[in-house]
Structures are given as structure tokens and as C-alpha cells.
Amino acid sequence: MGIGSIWHWLAVLAIVLLIFGTKKLRNIGSDLGGAVKGFKDGMREATDKPAEKAADAAPAQVGGKTVEGQVTGKTESRV
């Protein structure tokens, strides 16, 4: 009775079914399937995002002034 024997794996399957039951194993299978599906969707979104970022990388130019200077002290402004 080696590790590759069909009888070995049938005995392991029978013991697992006796311990956990079919309902719990079915729930574990559906949870695992949902996790894999969520992972695939996340990976698909991650590969789609760089294309969207490249389109958003060139924002429209807005007119205005750039103020350059150095902050020398803290002042409070009252509005």
C-alpha cells in the first residue's frame, strides 16, 4: 500500500468524509471557488489599470500662475 495506490486514496477520502461530512466539504469547495474567482478578477483589473492610467496621465492644461518662494514662518489666516 504505497502513496500512489488507489486504495490508499479511497481510504483517505472515506476518512475525510466521515470527519467533515459532505455539506461542509461542499461549502469549502464553493468558498475556494469564490476565492479563486475573486483573485482572477483582481488580476484582470490590475492588468487593465495601467492602460487607464496612461489615458489619464495627460491631464488638460489649466491656465494659472506658479508661485515660487520659501516659507519662513508660520502665519494664521482668518477668513
C-alpha atoms as a PDB file:
ATOM      1  CA  MET A   1       0.000   0.000   0.000  1.00  0.00           C
ATOM      2  CA  GLY A   2       2.103   2.854  -1.327  1.00  0.00           C
ATOM      3  CA  ILE A   3       1.324   6.526  -1.713  1.00  0.00           C
ATOM      4  CA  GLY A   4       0.220   6.051  -5.312  1.00  0.00           C
ATOM      5  CA  SER A   5      -2.224   3.237  -4.542  1.00  0.00           C
ATOM      6  CA  ILE A   6      -5.881   3.859  -5.375  1.00  0.00           C
ATOM      7  CA  TRP A   7      -6.942   2.033  -2.204  1.00  0.00           C
ATOM      8  CA  HIS A   8      -4.853   4.406  -0.111  1.00  0.00           C
ATOM      9  CA  TRP A   9      -6.590   7.464  -1.557  1.00  0.00           C
ATOM     10  CA  LEU A  10     -10.042   5.865  -1.262  1.00  0.00           C
ATOM     11  CA  ALA A  11      -9.376   5.211   2.428  1.00  0.00           C
ATOM     12  CA  VAL A  12      -8.217   8.814   2.926  1.00  0.00           C
ATOM     13  CA  LEU A  13     -11.337  10.112   1.133  1.00  0.00           C
ATOM     14  CA  ALA A  14     -13.618   7.917   3.289  1.00  0.00           C
ATOM     15  CA  ILE A  15     -11.970   9.174   6.498  1.00  0.00           C
ATOM     16  CA  VAL A  16     -12.248  12.815   5.385  1.00  0.00           C
ATOM     17  CA  LEU A  17     -15.936  12.316   4.534  1.00  0.00           C
ATOM     18  CA  LEU A  18     -16.577  10.747   7.935  1.00  0.00           C
ATOM     19  CA  ILE A  19     -14.838  13.582   9.782  1.00  0.00           C
ATOM     20  CA  PHE A  20     -16.139  16.601   7.871  1.00  0.00           C
ATOM     21  CA  GLY A  21     -19.304  15.404   6.145  1.00  0.00           C
ATOM     22  CA  THR A  22     -20.405  16.194   2.616  1.00  0.00           C
ATOM     23  CA  LYS A  23     -22.120  19.508   3.408  1.00  0.00           C
ATOM     24  CA  LYS A  24     -19.037  21.053   4.974  1.00  0.00           C
ATOM     25  CA  LEU A  25     -16.838  19.814   2.109  1.00  0.00           C
ATOM     26  CA  ARG A  26     -19.277  21.339  -0.394  1.00  0.00           C
ATOM     27  CA  ASN A  27     -19.126  24.675   1.456  1.00  0.00           C
ATOM     28  CA  ILE A  28     -15.329  24.561   1.493  1.00  0.00           C
ATOM     29  CA  GLY A  29     -15.339  23.889  -2.266  1.00  0.00           C
ATOM     30  CA  SER A  30     -17.661  26.794  -3.018  1.00  0.00           C
ATOM     31  CA  ASP A  31     -15.639  29.131  -0.769  1.00  0.00           C
ATOM     32  CA  LEU A  32     -12.440  28.099  -2.508  1.00  0.00           C
ATOM     33  CA  GLY A  33     -14.044  28.605  -5.926  1.00  0.00           C
ATOM     34  CA  GLY A  34     -15.228  32.087  -4.910  1.00  0.00           C
ATOM     35  CA  ALA A  35     -11.760  32.980  -3.684  1.00  0.00           C
ATOM     36  CA  VAL A  36     -10.172  31.846  -6.946  1.00  0.00           C
ATOM     37  CA  LYS A  37     -12.747  33.807  -8.956  1.00  0.00           C
ATOM     38  CA  GLY A  38     -12.100  36.940  -6.876  1.00  0.00           C
ATOM     39  CA  PHE A  39      -8.356  36.519  -7.360  1.00  0.00           C
ATOM     40  CA  LYS A  40      -8.762  36.208 -11.140  1.00  0.00           C
ATOM     41  CA  ASP A  41     -10.987  39.312 -11.235  1.00  0.00           C
ATOM     42  CA  GLY A  42      -8.437  41.254  -9.195  1.00  0.00           C
ATOM     43  CA  MET A  43      -5.628  40.215 -11.511  1.00  0.00           C
ATOM     44  CA  ARG A  44      -7.698  41.198 -14.541  1.00  0.00           C
ATOM     45  CA  GLU A  45      -8.375  44.640 -13.011  1.00  0.00           C
ATOM     46  CA  ALA A  46      -4.698  45.058 -12.181  1.00  0.00           C
ATOM     47  CA  THR A  47      -3.718  44.445 -15.804  1.00  0.00           C
ATOM     48  CA  ASP A  48      -6.448  46.787 -17.079  1.00  0.00           C
ATOM     49  CA  LYS A  49      -5.499  49.697 -14.772  1.00  0.00           C
ATOM     50  CA  PRO A  50      -2.158  50.669 -16.443  1.00  0.00           C
ATOM     51  CA  ALA A  51      -3.971  51.278 -19.743  1.00  0.00           C
ATOM     52  CA  GLU A  52      -6.468  53.548 -17.979  1.00  0.00           C
ATOM     53  CA  LYS A  53      -3.696  55.384 -16.120  1.00  0.00           C
ATOM     54  CA  ALA A  54      -1.860  56.058 -19.378  1.00  0.00           C
ATOM     55  CA  ALA A  55      -5.006  57.694 -20.761  1.00  0.00           C
ATOM     56  CA  ASP A  56      -5.399  59.788 -17.606  1.00  0.00           C
ATOM     57  CA  ALA A  57      -1.699  60.701 -17.459  1.00  0.00           C
ATOM     58  CA  ALA A  58      -2.080  63.684 -19.808  1.00  0.00           C
ATOM     59  CA  PRO A  59      -4.487  65.998 -17.955  1.00  0.00           C
ATOM     60  CA  ALA A  60      -5.951  69.042 -19.612  1.00  0.00           C
ATOM     61  CA  GLN A  61      -3.789  72.144 -19.237  1.00  0.00           C
ATOM     62  CA  VAL A  62      -5.141  74.684 -16.824  1.00  0.00           C
ATOM     63  CA  GLY A  63      -4.088  78.337 -17.022  1.00  0.00           C
ATOM     64  CA  GLY A  64      -2.711  79.941 -13.908  1.00  0.00           C
ATOM     65  CA  LYS A  65       0.349  81.214 -12.130  1.00  0.00           C
ATOM     66  CA  THR A  66       3.051  79.317 -10.354  1.00  0.00           C
ATOM     67  CA  VAL A  67       4.167  80.949  -7.154  1.00  0.00           C
ATOM     68  CA  GLU A  68       7.690  80.192  -6.091  1.00  0.00           C
ATOM     69  CA  GLY A  69       9.134  81.038  -2.744  1.00  0.00           C
ATOM     70  CA  GLN A  70      10.229  79.785   0.620  1.00  0.00           C
ATOM     71  CA  VAL A  71       8.185  79.551   3.769  1.00  0.00           C
ATOM     72  CA  THR A  72       9.977  81.441   6.525  1.00  0.00           C
ATOM     73  CA  GLY A  73       7.391  81.428   9.274  1.00  0.00           C
ATOM     74  CA  LYS A  74       4.003  80.249  10.295  1.00  0.00           C
ATOM     75  CA  THR A  75       1.145  82.701   9.898  1.00  0.00           C
ATOM     76  CA  GLU A  76      -2.515  82.354  10.672  1.00  0.00           C
ATOM     77  CA  SER A  77      -5.023  83.486   8.141  1.00  0.00           C
ATOM     78  CA  ARG A  78      -8.519  84.440   9.170  1.00  0.00           C
ATOM     79  CA  VAL A  79     -11.243  84.152   6.651  1.00  0.00           C
END
